[in-house]
Amino acid sequence: MAIIINLDVMMAKRKMSLNELSEKVDITLSNLSILKTGKAKAIRFSTLEAICKALDCQPGDILEFDSKS
């Protein structure tokens, strides 16, 4: 996949657990885990916005495009 998800990196930088982020964003642990592992096929802008607010970051901090793939 050409889109790389760096959610785990941002969570580590903010010292936030999956459970804590799940509660702040109001998304199930399983859905957040799917996103974190890069297995998600899509993400709603509202979910991305909530994650960025919770982690105090920009979408580009979480999503990365790999042109080599």
PDB file of N, CA and C in Angstrom:
ATOM      1  N   MET A   1       0.856  -1.186   0.000  1.00  0.00           N
ATOM      2  CA  MET A   1       0.000   0.000   0.000  1.00  0.00           C
ATOM      3  C   MET A   1       0.893   1.238   0.000  1.00  0.00           C
ATOM      4  N   ALA A   2       0.531   2.229  -0.762  1.00  0.00           N
ATOM      5  CA  ALA A   2       1.341   3.436  -0.899  1.00  0.00           C
ATOM      6  C   ALA A   2       1.137   4.419   0.254  1.00  0.00           C
ATOM      7  N   ILE A   3       0.080   4.237   1.025  1.00  0.00           N
ATOM      8  CA  ILE A   3      -0.162   5.107   2.179  1.00  0.00           C
ATOM      9  C   ILE A   3       0.317   4.388   3.435  1.00  0.00           C
ATOM     10  N   ILE A   4       1.196   5.051   4.171  1.00  0.00           N
ATOM     11  CA  ILE A   4       1.733   4.489   5.408  1.00  0.00           C
ATOM     12  C   ILE A   4       1.070   5.200   6.585  1.00  0.00           C
ATOM     13  N   ILE A   5       0.615   4.425   7.551  1.00  0.00           N
ATOM     14  CA  ILE A   5      -0.036   4.960   8.747  1.00  0.00           C
ATOM     15  C   ILE A   5       0.994   5.012   9.872  1.00  0.00           C
ATOM     16  N   ASN A   6       1.266   6.207  10.374  1.00  0.00           N
ATOM     17  CA  ASN A   6       2.233   6.395  11.459  1.00  0.00           C
ATOM     18  C   ASN A   6       1.539   6.694  12.789  1.00  0.00           C
ATOM     19  N   LEU A   7       0.371   6.130  12.977  1.00  0.00           N
ATOM     20  CA  LEU A   7      -0.397   6.382  14.196  1.00  0.00           C
ATOM     21  C   LEU A   7       0.361   5.916  15.436  1.00  0.00           C
ATOM     22  N   ASP A   8       0.995   4.752  15.358  1.00  0.00           N
ATOM     23  CA  ASP A   8       1.741   4.238  16.505  1.00  0.00           C
ATOM     24  C   ASP A   8       2.902   5.153  16.890  1.00  0.00           C
ATOM     25  N   VAL A   9       3.532   5.792  15.892  1.00  0.00           N
ATOM     26  CA  VAL A   9       4.628   6.726  16.153  1.00  0.00           C
ATOM     27  C   VAL A   9       4.116   7.945  16.919  1.00  0.00           C
ATOM     28  N   MET A  10       2.998   8.508  16.457  1.00  0.00           N
ATOM     29  CA  MET A  10       2.446   9.691  17.123  1.00  0.00           C
ATOM     30  C   MET A  10       1.944   9.346  18.521  1.00  0.00           C
ATOM     31  N   MET A  11       1.359   8.169  18.687  1.00  0.00           N
ATOM     32  CA  MET A  11       0.892   7.752  20.001  1.00  0.00           C
ATOM     33  C   MET A  11       2.072   7.620  20.964  1.00  0.00           C
ATOM     34  N   ALA A  12       3.181   7.080  20.483  1.00  0.00           N
ATOM     35  CA  ALA A  12       4.374   6.938  21.318  1.00  0.00           C
ATOM     36  C   ALA A  12       4.942   8.301  21.689  1.00  0.00           C
ATOM     37  N   LYS A  13       4.969   9.218  20.718  1.00  0.00           N
ATOM     38  CA  LYS A  13       5.474  10.568  20.991  1.00  0.00           C
ATOM     39  C   LYS A  13       4.639  11.283  22.045  1.00  0.00           C
ATOM     40  N   ARG A  14       3.342  11.031  22.036  1.00  0.00           N
ATOM     41  CA  ARG A  14       2.427  11.670  22.983  1.00  0.00           C
ATOM     42  C   ARG A  14       2.214  10.830  24.240  1.00  0.00           C
ATOM     43  N   LYS A  15       2.872   9.669  24.285  1.00  0.00           N
ATOM     44  CA  LYS A  15       2.750   8.744  25.419  1.00  0.00           C
ATOM     45  C   LYS A  15       1.285   8.404  25.711  1.00  0.00           C
ATOM     46  N   MET A  16       0.569   8.064  24.637  1.00  0.00           N
ATOM     47  CA  MET A  16      -0.856   7.756  24.756  1.00  0.00           C
ATOM     48  C   MET A  16      -1.087   6.297  24.355  1.00  0.00           C
ATOM     49  N   SER A  17      -1.860   5.604  25.152  1.00  0.00           N
ATOM     50  CA  SER A  17      -2.163   4.203  24.860  1.00  0.00           C
ATOM     51  C   SER A  17      -3.316   4.103  23.870  1.00  0.00           C
ATOM     52  N   LEU A  18      -3.467   2.918  23.312  1.00  0.00           N
ATOM     53  CA  LEU A  18      -4.560   2.655  22.385  1.00  0.00           C
ATOM     54  C   LEU A  18      -5.899   2.836  23.093  1.00  0.00           C
ATOM     55  N   ASN A  19      -5.986   2.384  24.341  1.00  0.00           N
ATOM     56  CA  ASN A  19      -7.228   2.522  25.111  1.00  0.00           C
ATOM     57  C   ASN A  19      -7.575   3.993  25.333  1.00  0.00           C
ATOM     58  N   GLU A  20      -6.574   4.785  25.711  1.00  0.00           N
ATOM     59  CA  GLU A  20      -6.808   6.207  25.974  1.00  0.00           C
ATOM     60  C   GLU A  20      -7.252   6.931  24.707  1.00  0.00           C
ATOM     61  N   LEU A  21      -6.577   6.662  23.589  1.00  0.00           N
ATOM     62  CA  LEU A  21      -6.950   7.299  22.328  1.00  0.00           C
ATOM     63  C   LEU A  21      -8.348   6.864  21.907  1.00  0.00           C
ATOM     64  N   SER A  22      -8.656   5.595  22.101  1.00  0.00           N
ATOM     65  CA  SER A  22      -9.974   5.065  21.764  1.00  0.00           C
ATOM     66  C   SER A  22     -11.073   5.822  22.505  1.00  0.00           C
ATOM     67  N   GLU A  23     -10.851   6.079  23.788  1.00  0.00           N
ATOM     68  CA  GLU A  23     -11.838   6.809  24.584  1.00  0.00           C
ATOM     69  C   GLU A  23     -11.959   8.267  24.147  1.00  0.00           C
ATOM     70  N   LYS A  24     -10.830   8.916  23.869  1.00  0.00           N
ATOM     71  CA  LYS A  24     -10.845  10.330  23.475  1.00  0.00           C
ATOM     72  C   LYS A  24     -11.500  10.539  22.115  1.00  0.00           C
ATOM     73  N   VAL A  25     -11.285   9.585  21.208  1.00  0.00           N
ATOM     74  CA  VAL A  25     -11.789   9.720  19.839  1.00  0.00           C
ATOM     75  C   VAL A  25     -13.180   9.102  19.692  1.00  0.00           C
ATOM     76  N   ASP A  26     -13.572   8.290  20.662  1.00  0.00           N
ATOM     77  CA  ASP A  26     -14.853   7.578  20.622  1.00  0.00           C
ATOM     78  C   ASP A  26     -14.924   6.644  19.415  1.00  0.00           C
ATOM     79  N   ILE A  27     -13.917   5.802  19.332  1.00  0.00           N
ATOM     80  CA  ILE A  27     -13.847   4.786  18.283  1.00  0.00           C
ATOM     81  C   ILE A  27     -13.501   3.463  18.975  1.00  0.00           C
ATOM     82  N   THR A  28     -14.003   2.371  18.460  1.00  0.00           N
ATOM     83  CA  THR A  28     -13.754   1.088  19.112  1.00  0.00           C
ATOM     84  C   THR A  28     -12.274   0.721  19.030  1.00  0.00           C
ATOM     85  N   LEU A  29     -11.828  -0.055  20.004  1.00  0.00           N
ATOM     86  CA  LEU A  29     -10.441  -0.518  20.008  1.00  0.00           C
ATOM     87  C   LEU A  29     -10.109  -1.309  18.751  1.00  0.00           C
ATOM     88  N   SER A  30     -11.038  -2.126  18.312  1.00  0.00           N
ATOM     89  CA  SER A  30     -10.767  -2.953  17.124  1.00  0.00           C
ATOM     90  C   SER A  30     -10.599  -2.090  15.873  1.00  0.00           C
ATOM     91  N   ASN A  31     -11.442  -1.079  15.716  1.00  0.00           N
ATOM     92  CA  ASN A  31     -11.315  -0.199  14.552  1.00  0.00           C
ATOM     93  C   ASN A  31     -10.036   0.627  14.615  1.00  0.00           C
ATOM     94  N   LEU A  32      -9.685   1.086  15.796  1.00  0.00           N
ATOM     95  CA  LEU A  32      -8.456   1.854  15.965  1.00  0.00           C
ATOM     96  C   LEU A  32      -7.236   0.962  15.712  1.00  0.00           C
ATOM     97  N   SER A  33      -7.310  -0.268  16.143  1.00  0.00           N
ATOM     98  CA  SER A  33      -6.229  -1.217  15.908  1.00  0.00           C
ATOM     99  C   SER A  33      -6.045  -1.499  14.418  1.00  0.00           C
ATOM    100  N   ILE A  34      -7.145  -1.636  13.704  1.00  0.00           N
ATOM    101  CA  ILE A  34      -7.101  -1.850  12.248  1.00  0.00           C
ATOM    102  C   ILE A  34      -6.428  -0.660  11.571  1.00  0.00           C
ATOM    103  N   LEU A  35      -6.760   0.526  12.008  1.00  0.00           N
ATOM    104  CA  LEU A  35      -6.149   1.734  11.453  1.00  0.00           C
ATOM    105  C   LEU A  35      -4.659   1.782  11.804  1.00  0.00           C
ATOM    106  N   LYS A  36      -4.326   1.494  13.041  1.00  0.00           N
ATOM    107  CA  LYS A  36      -2.942   1.553  13.520  1.00  0.00           C
ATOM    108  C   LYS A  36      -2.033   0.577  12.776  1.00  0.00           C
ATOM    109  N   THR A  37      -2.544  -0.595  12.459  1.00  0.00           N
ATOM    110  CA  THR A  37      -1.737  -1.604  11.772  1.00  0.00           C
ATOM    111  C   THR A  37      -1.692  -1.396  10.262  1.00  0.00           C
ATOM    112  N   GLY A  38      -2.400  -0.402   9.762  1.00  0.00           N
ATOM    113  CA  GLY A  38      -2.370  -0.106   8.330  1.00  0.00           C
ATOM    114  C   GLY A  38      -3.279  -0.984   7.499  1.00  0.00           C
ATOM    115  N   LYS A  39      -4.198  -1.697   8.147  1.00  0.00           N
ATOM    116  CA  LYS A  39      -5.095  -2.595   7.429  1.00  0.00           C
ATOM    117  C   LYS A  39      -6.395  -1.919   7.003  1.00  0.00           C
ATOM    118  N   ALA A  40      -6.600  -0.678   7.420  1.00  0.00           N
ATOM    119  CA  ALA A  40      -7.830   0.051   7.067  1.00  0.00           C
ATOM    120  C   ALA A  40      -7.796   0.427   5.587  1.00  0.00           C
ATOM    121  N   LYS A  41      -8.935   0.363   4.958  1.00  0.00           N
ATOM    122  CA  LYS A  41      -9.053   0.737   3.549  1.00  0.00           C
ATOM    123  C   LYS A  41      -9.470   2.196   3.384  1.00  0.00           C
ATOM    124  N   ALA A  42     -10.005   2.798   4.456  1.00  0.00           N
ATOM    125  CA  ALA A  42     -10.477   4.185   4.393  1.00  0.00           C
ATOM    126  C   ALA A  42     -10.547   4.744   5.808  1.00  0.00           C
ATOM    127  N   ILE A  43     -10.605   6.073   5.878  1.00  0.00           N
ATOM    128  CA  ILE A  43     -10.792   6.744   7.164  1.00  0.00           C
ATOM    129  C   ILE A  43     -11.671   7.967   6.917  1.00  0.00           C
ATOM    130  N   ARG A  44     -12.640   8.169   7.767  1.00  0.00           N
ATOM    131  CA  ARG A  44     -13.501   9.344   7.665  1.00  0.00           C
ATOM    132  C   ARG A  44     -12.720  10.574   8.100  1.00  0.00           C
ATOM    133  N   PHE A  45     -12.988  11.692   7.439  1.00  0.00           N
ATOM    134  CA  PHE A  45     -12.329  12.929   7.826  1.00  0.00           C
ATOM    135  C   PHE A  45     -12.660  13.296   9.265  1.00  0.00           C
ATOM    136  N   SER A  46     -13.875  12.996   9.709  1.00  0.00           N
ATOM    137  CA  SER A  46     -14.246  13.313  11.086  1.00  0.00           C
ATOM    138  C   SER A  46     -13.415  12.489  12.079  1.00  0.00           C
ATOM    139  N   THR A  47     -13.118  11.250  11.727  1.00  0.00           N
ATOM    140  CA  THR A  47     -12.275  10.407  12.574  1.00  0.00           C
ATOM    141  C   THR A  47     -10.841  10.911  12.569  1.00  0.00           C
ATOM    142  N   LEU A  48     -10.332  11.254  11.391  1.00  0.00           N
ATOM    143  CA  LEU A  48      -8.980  11.796  11.280  1.00  0.00           C
ATOM    144  C   LEU A  48      -8.855  13.095  12.068  1.00  0.00           C
ATOM    145  N   GLU A  49      -9.869  13.935  11.980  1.00  0.00           N
ATOM    146  CA  GLU A  49      -9.874  15.198  12.735  1.00  0.00           C
ATOM    147  C   GLU A  49      -9.849  14.933  14.241  1.00  0.00           C
ATOM    148  N   ALA A  50     -10.647  13.991  14.698  1.00  0.00           N
ATOM    149  CA  ALA A  50     -10.696  13.665  16.130  1.00  0.00           C
ATOM    150  C   ALA A  50      -9.360  13.106  16.614  1.00  0.00           C
ATOM    151  N   ILE A  51      -8.720  12.274  15.800  1.00  0.00           N
ATOM    152  CA  ILE A  51      -7.416  11.713  16.158  1.00  0.00           C
ATOM    153  C   ILE A  51      -6.372  12.827  16.225  1.00  0.00           C
ATOM    154  N   CYS A  52      -6.399  13.727  15.253  1.00  0.00           N
ATOM    155  CA  CYS A  52      -5.445  14.844  15.237  1.00  0.00           C
ATOM    156  C   CYS A  52      -5.646  15.759  16.448  1.00  0.00           C
ATOM    157  N   LYS A  53      -6.897  15.988  16.830  1.00  0.00           N
ATOM    158  CA  LYS A  53      -7.161  16.806  18.022  1.00  0.00           C
ATOM    159  C   LYS A  53      -6.644  16.113  19.273  1.00  0.00           C
ATOM    160  N   ALA A  54      -6.903  14.824  19.393  1.00  0.00           N
ATOM    161  CA  ALA A  54      -6.497  14.074  20.582  1.00  0.00           C
ATOM    162  C   ALA A  54      -4.976  13.990  20.702  1.00  0.00           C
ATOM    163  N   LEU A  55      -4.293  13.879  19.562  1.00  0.00           N
ATOM    164  CA  LEU A  55      -2.836  13.743  19.571  1.00  0.00           C
ATOM    165  C   LEU A  55      -2.124  15.074  19.343  1.00  0.00           C
ATOM    166  N   ASP A  56      -2.895  16.135  19.133  1.00  0.00           N
ATOM    167  CA  ASP A  56      -2.336  17.461  18.879  1.00  0.00           C
ATOM    168  C   ASP A  56      -1.304  17.397  17.754  1.00  0.00           C
ATOM    169  N   CYS A  57      -1.775  16.950  16.586  1.00  0.00           N
ATOM    170  CA  CYS A  57      -0.884  16.799  15.437  1.00  0.00           C
ATOM    171  C   CYS A  57      -1.631  17.145  14.150  1.00  0.00           C
ATOM    172  N   GLN A  58      -0.935  17.073  13.049  1.00  0.00           N
ATOM    173  CA  GLN A  58      -1.492  17.324  11.727  1.00  0.00           C
ATOM    174  C   GLN A  58      -1.734  15.981  11.025  1.00  0.00           C
ATOM    175  N   PRO A  59      -2.658  15.938  10.043  1.00  0.00           N
ATOM    176  CA  PRO A  59      -2.893  14.685   9.311  1.00  0.00           C
ATOM    177  C   PRO A  59      -1.614  14.116   8.698  1.00  0.00           C
ATOM    178  N   GLY A  60      -0.719  14.983   8.249  1.00  0.00           N
ATOM    179  CA  GLY A  60       0.546  14.531   7.664  1.00  0.00           C
ATOM    180  C   GLY A  60       1.470  13.869   8.656  1.00  0.00           C
ATOM    181  N   ASP A  61       1.220  14.073   9.945  1.00  0.00           N
ATOM    182  CA  ASP A  61       2.005  13.385  10.966  1.00  0.00           C
ATOM    183  C   ASP A  61       1.576  11.925  11.094  1.00  0.00           C
ATOM    184  N   ILE A  62       0.353  11.639  10.659  1.00  0.00           N
ATOM    185  CA  ILE A  62      -0.208  10.293  10.783  1.00  0.00           C
ATOM    186  C   ILE A  62      -0.169   9.552   9.452  1.00  0.00           C
ATOM    187  N   LEU A  63      -0.451  10.257   8.365  1.00  0.00           N
ATOM    188  CA  LEU A  63      -0.493   9.635   7.037  1.00  0.00           C
ATOM    189  C   LEU A  63       0.716  10.042   6.214  1.00  0.00           C
ATOM    190  N   GLU A  64       1.314   9.077   5.532  1.00  0.00           N
ATOM    191  CA  GLU A  64       2.487   9.337   4.716  1.00  0.00           C
ATOM    192  C   GLU A  64       2.324   8.605   3.382  1.00  0.00           C
ATOM    193  N   PHE A  65       2.730   9.242   2.302  1.00  0.00           N
ATOM    194  CA  PHE A  65       2.654   8.630   0.982  1.00  0.00           C
ATOM    195  C   PHE A  65       4.024   8.094   0.603  1.00  0.00           C
ATOM    196  N   ASP A  66       4.083   6.816   0.240  1.00  0.00           N
ATOM    197  CA  ASP A  66       5.320   6.189  -0.194  1.00  0.00           C
ATOM    198  C   ASP A  66       5.263   6.025  -1.709  1.00  0.00           C
ATOM    199  N   SER A  67       5.989   6.854  -2.411  1.00  0.00           N
ATOM    200  CA  SER A  67       5.928   6.837  -3.875  1.00  0.00           C
ATOM    201  C   SER A  67       6.624   5.624  -4.471  1.00  0.00           C
ATOM    202  N   LYS A  68       7.376   4.883  -3.676  1.00  0.00           N
ATOM    203  CA  LYS A  68       8.100   3.711  -4.173  1.00  0.00           C
ATOM    204  C   LYS A  68       7.215   2.479  -4.267  1.00  0.00           C
ATOM    205  N   SER A  69       6.055   2.515  -3.631  1.00  0.00           N
ATOM    206  CA  SER A  69       5.159   1.346  -3.632  1.00  0.00           C
ATOM    207  C   SER A  69       4.266   1.341  -4.845  1.00  0.00           C
TER     208      SER A  69
END
